[in-house]
Protein backbone atom coordinates (compact mmCIF):
# COMPACT_ATOMS: atom_id res chain seq x y z
CA MET A 1 -16.95 -109.09 70.53
CA ILE A 2 -15.12 -109.84 67.27
CA PRO A 3 -17.52 -110.54 64.36
CA GLN A 4 -17.51 -114.10 63.09
CA ILE A 5 -16.22 -113.10 59.64
CA CYS A 6 -13.26 -111.32 61.27
CA GLN A 7 -12.52 -114.37 63.45
CA LYS A 8 -12.54 -116.58 60.38
CA CYS A 9 -10.33 -114.18 58.45
CA GLN A 10 -7.80 -113.73 61.29
CA SER A 11 -7.58 -117.49 61.86
CA SER A 12 -6.35 -117.81 58.26
CA PHE A 13 -3.63 -115.12 58.50
CA SER A 14 -0.83 -117.59 59.26
CA ALA A 15 -1.73 -119.87 56.33
CA TYR A 16 -2.23 -116.79 54.13
CA LEU A 17 1.27 -115.51 54.88
CA ASP A 18 2.71 -118.98 54.19
CA GLY A 19 0.90 -119.18 50.85
CA ALA A 20 -1.00 -122.25 52.05
CA VAL A 21 -4.49 -121.09 50.98
CA SER A 22 -6.24 -121.40 47.65
CA GLY A 23 -6.39 -118.52 45.18
CA LYS A 24 -10.11 -118.02 45.85
CA HIS A 25 -9.57 -117.92 49.62
CA MET A 26 -6.66 -115.49 49.14
CA GLN A 27 -8.93 -113.13 47.19
CA GLN A 28 -11.58 -113.33 49.93
CA ILE A 29 -9.06 -112.40 52.60
CA ALA A 30 -7.64 -109.58 50.47
CA ARG A 31 -11.12 -108.10 49.88
CA HIS A 32 -11.93 -108.29 53.60
CA LEU A 33 -8.67 -106.53 54.49
CA ASP A 34 -9.58 -103.71 52.09
CA THR A 35 -12.75 -102.97 54.08
CA CYS A 36 -11.96 -103.98 57.69
CA ALA A 37 -9.60 -101.71 59.63
CA PRO A 38 -9.21 -103.97 62.74
CA CYS A 39 -8.28 -107.00 60.61
CA THR A 40 -5.95 -104.88 58.49
CA GLN A 41 -4.18 -103.70 61.64
CA GLU A 42 -3.91 -107.25 62.98
CA PHE A 43 -2.58 -108.54 59.67
CA ALA A 44 -0.05 -105.71 59.39
CA ALA A 45 1.31 -106.56 62.85
CA MET A 46 1.63 -110.25 61.97
CA ARG A 47 3.31 -109.47 58.65
CA ALA A 48 5.73 -107.05 60.35
CA VAL A 49 6.84 -109.85 62.67
CA GLN A 50 7.31 -112.21 59.71
CA GLN A 51 9.31 -109.61 57.76
CA SER A 52 11.52 -108.96 60.77
CA LEU A 53 12.28 -112.66 61.00
CA ALA A 54 12.85 -112.89 57.25
CA THR A 55 15.44 -110.09 57.34
CA LEU A 56 17.57 -112.18 59.66
CA GLY A 57 18.08 -114.68 56.83
CA PRO A 58 19.81 -118.03 57.11
CA ALA A 59 23.32 -118.28 58.49
CA LYS A 60 25.81 -118.13 55.63
CA ALA A 61 28.37 -120.90 55.60
CA PRO A 62 32.00 -119.73 55.72
CA ALA A 63 33.76 -119.80 52.35
CA ASP A 64 36.43 -122.14 53.72
CA LEU A 65 34.01 -124.56 55.39
CA GLY A 66 34.80 -127.34 52.92
CA LEU A 67 38.53 -127.04 53.56
CA LYS A 68 38.01 -127.03 57.32
CA LEU A 69 35.91 -130.20 57.11
CA ARG A 70 38.57 -131.93 55.04
CA LEU A 71 41.27 -130.89 57.52
CA ALA A 72 39.19 -132.13 60.45
CA ILE A 73 38.66 -135.51 58.75
CA SER A 74 42.36 -135.74 57.91
CA HIS A 75 43.36 -134.93 61.50
CA GLU A 76 40.95 -137.54 62.84
CA GLN A 77 42.39 -140.16 60.51
CA ALA A 78 45.92 -139.18 61.56
CA ARG A 79 44.91 -139.37 65.23
CA ARG A 80 43.53 -142.88 64.80
CA LYS A 81 46.63 -143.96 62.90
CA SER A 82 48.79 -142.42 65.65
CA SER A 83 46.85 -144.34 68.32
CA TRP A 84 47.48 -147.59 66.41
CA LEU A 85 51.18 -146.79 66.12
CA ASP A 86 51.36 -145.96 69.84
CA SER A 87 49.89 -149.39 70.58
CA MET A 88 52.49 -151.05 68.37
CA ALA A 89 55.27 -149.05 70.04
CA LEU A 90 54.06 -150.18 73.47
CA LYS A 91 54.17 -153.82 72.39
CA TRP A 92 57.65 -153.18 71.03
CA ASP A 93 58.80 -151.74 74.36
CA ASN A 94 57.25 -154.54 76.43
CA ALA A 95 58.22 -157.54 74.33
CA ILE A 96 60.81 -157.11 71.57
CA ARG A 97 63.16 -154.58 73.15
CA PRO A 98 63.82 -156.61 76.35
CA MET A 99 64.63 -159.63 74.18
CA LEU A 100 67.18 -157.62 72.19
CA VAL A 101 68.79 -156.24 75.35
CA GLN A 102 69.03 -159.71 76.87
CA VAL A 103 70.65 -161.23 73.75
CA SER A 104 73.56 -158.81 73.65
CA ALA A 105 74.62 -155.22 73.38
CA GLY A 106 76.10 -155.97 70.01
CA PHE A 107 76.00 -153.87 66.91
CA ALA A 108 73.42 -156.02 65.12
CA GLY A 109 70.86 -155.54 67.90
CA ALA A 110 71.42 -151.80 67.88
CA VAL A 111 70.92 -151.65 64.10
CA ILE A 112 67.63 -153.55 64.32
CA LEU A 113 66.39 -151.38 67.19
CA VAL A 114 67.28 -148.09 65.48
CA GLY A 115 65.84 -149.30 62.20
CA GLY A 116 62.53 -150.25 63.83
CA ILE A 117 62.21 -146.92 65.62
CA GLY A 118 63.05 -145.07 62.39
CA LEU A 119 60.32 -146.96 60.57
CA LEU A 120 57.75 -146.05 63.21
CA LEU A 121 58.79 -142.39 63.21
CA GLY A 122 58.62 -142.28 59.43
CA MET A 123 55.06 -143.62 59.45
CA VAL A 124 53.98 -141.10 62.12
CA ALA A 125 55.59 -138.16 60.33
CA ALA A 126 53.83 -138.85 57.02
CA PRO A 127 50.14 -137.96 57.45
CA GLU A 128 47.77 -138.23 54.51
CA PRO A 129 47.80 -135.18 52.18
CA VAL A 130 44.85 -132.79 52.33
CA MET A 131 43.25 -131.76 49.05
CA ALA A 132 42.32 -128.08 48.83
CA ASN A 133 40.26 -128.18 45.63
CA ASP A 134 36.95 -128.00 47.46
CA GLU A 135 33.68 -127.95 45.55
CA PRO A 136 31.35 -124.99 46.27
CA LEU A 137 28.90 -125.96 48.99
CA GLY A 138 26.00 -123.98 47.56
CA ALA A 139 24.63 -120.50 47.05
CA MET A 140 21.63 -118.30 47.78
CA THR A 141 19.34 -117.41 44.90
CA ALA A 142 16.35 -115.07 44.63
CA PRO A 143 12.97 -116.00 43.09
CA HIS A 144 12.83 -115.95 39.28
CA TYR A 145 9.69 -115.46 37.17
CA LEU A 146 8.83 -118.56 35.09
CA TYR A 147 5.42 -118.01 33.46
CA SER A 148 1.82 -116.93 33.98
CA VAL A 149 -1.32 -118.96 33.27
CA ASP A 150 -2.85 -115.71 31.98
CA ASN A 151 -1.35 -113.17 29.58
CA PRO A 152 0.31 -110.29 31.50
CA ARG A 153 -1.42 -106.97 30.89
CA ALA A 154 -1.20 -103.35 31.93
CA ILE A 155 -2.99 -102.09 35.04
CA LEU A 156 -5.88 -99.69 34.37
CA THR A 157 -5.52 -96.55 36.52
CA ASP A 158 -6.79 -92.96 36.70
CA HIS A 159 -3.55 -91.69 35.14
CA ASP A 160 -0.50 -93.13 33.40
CA SER A 161 2.06 -94.30 35.95
CA VAL A 162 4.48 -97.04 36.91
CA ILE A 163 3.43 -99.39 39.70
CA VAL A 164 6.21 -101.02 41.73
CA VAL A 165 5.17 -104.09 43.71
CA GLU A 166 7.11 -106.10 46.28
CA ALA A 167 5.82 -109.68 46.12
CA TYR A 168 6.47 -112.50 48.59
CA VAL A 169 6.98 -115.92 46.98
CA ASN A 170 6.67 -119.17 48.94
CA ALA A 171 8.82 -122.29 48.59
CA GLN A 172 6.37 -123.63 45.97
CA GLY A 173 6.94 -120.63 43.69
CA ARG A 174 3.56 -118.92 44.27
CA VAL A 175 2.92 -115.38 45.53
CA TYR A 176 1.27 -115.40 48.98
CA ASP A 177 1.44 -111.68 49.82
CA TYR A 178 2.43 -108.38 48.21
CA ASN A 179 2.89 -104.69 48.91
CA ILE A 180 2.56 -101.75 46.50
CA VAL A 181 5.77 -99.79 47.00
CA SER A 182 5.13 -97.04 44.45
CA GLY A 183 2.23 -95.93 42.25
CA PRO A 184 -1.56 -95.77 42.64
CA ASP A 185 -2.77 -97.58 45.75
CA ASP A 186 -6.52 -98.06 45.56
CA PRO A 187 -8.87 -101.08 45.62
CA ALA A 188 -9.17 -101.22 41.82
CA VAL A 189 -5.40 -101.34 41.39
CA HIS A 190 -5.03 -103.89 44.19
CA SER A 191 -7.59 -106.16 42.57
CA GLN A 192 -5.82 -106.09 39.17
CA VAL A 193 -2.37 -106.59 40.69
CA LEU A 194 -3.61 -109.46 42.84
CA ASP A 195 -5.22 -111.18 39.84
CA GLN A 196 -1.93 -111.12 37.92
CA LEU A 197 0.17 -112.22 40.92
CA LEU A 198 -2.09 -115.21 41.56
CA MET A 199 -1.61 -116.36 37.98
CA SER A 200 2.19 -116.08 38.06
CA VAL A 201 4.55 -118.98 38.78
CA TYR A 202 8.14 -118.46 39.97
CA GLU A 203 11.21 -120.53 40.55
CA PRO A 204 11.45 -120.17 44.35
CA ALA A 205 14.44 -118.73 46.16
CA SER A 206 16.94 -121.30 47.39
CA VAL A 207 19.64 -121.68 49.99
CA PHE A 208 22.25 -124.35 49.17
CA GLY A 209 19.78 -125.90 46.72
CA ALA A 210 16.81 -126.07 49.13
CA PRO A 211 13.72 -123.99 48.16
CA VAL A 212 12.77 -121.26 50.64
CA ARG A 213 10.51 -118.23 50.76
CA GLY A 214 11.81 -115.04 49.16
CA ARG A 215 10.91 -111.60 47.83
CA VAL A 216 10.87 -110.14 44.34
CA VAL A 217 10.24 -106.60 43.07
CA LEU A 218 7.92 -106.28 40.05
CA THR A 219 7.05 -103.34 37.84
CA PHE A 220 3.64 -102.90 36.19
CA SER A 221 2.64 -100.30 33.61
CA GLY A 222 -0.35 -98.23 34.69
CA ILE A 223 -2.47 -96.99 31.75
CA SER A 224 -5.06 -94.28 32.19
CA VAL A 225 -8.65 -95.20 31.34
CA HIS A 226 -9.43 -91.57 30.50
CA GLY A 227 -8.70 -89.75 27.24
């Protein structure tokens, strides 16, 4: 039977990964994961699934999408105009042309008929121009550090080192998860890194101007507490 504290912790994993928990609750979950192997394994599996989905990324719009949309609109307008002209040509064939034939086969009637057909052909053969100076539809941006509510400081470690951290930033610009990629990896270091990440605010990643979750790589200086 799963202990109650583990059930409570695991039920918060989804919100924790989405950055939808308070800073205090995030610290509680992080401390529990440091001491509970089953919960750590469960969380790692859930995070692996999320990371696999994140690597897929959003579908990138083709560079010529704007031009294609303009061409499609232009063709639709030309099609509607052509349908209107076809209707006018049908009325011409059913009403005006028989009258001209019945009047006479004279030169004047032929001139009028040819002139009318030429006018219709000229209107059909002159579709609206398509402008190719499309505006950029958008871009993808990564998270950018804005500020911290606490002064950034070095991480105290057993020996001088550089600590590289991969942080996950939600659409509100707050870190909701992290992973130490390089450097000391012990509870004391985790606690200090987590404290600084929780105090940091980022401009979130964006896709075509809409904020989305993203990742950022951070570097901390590890200073030895000895000597």
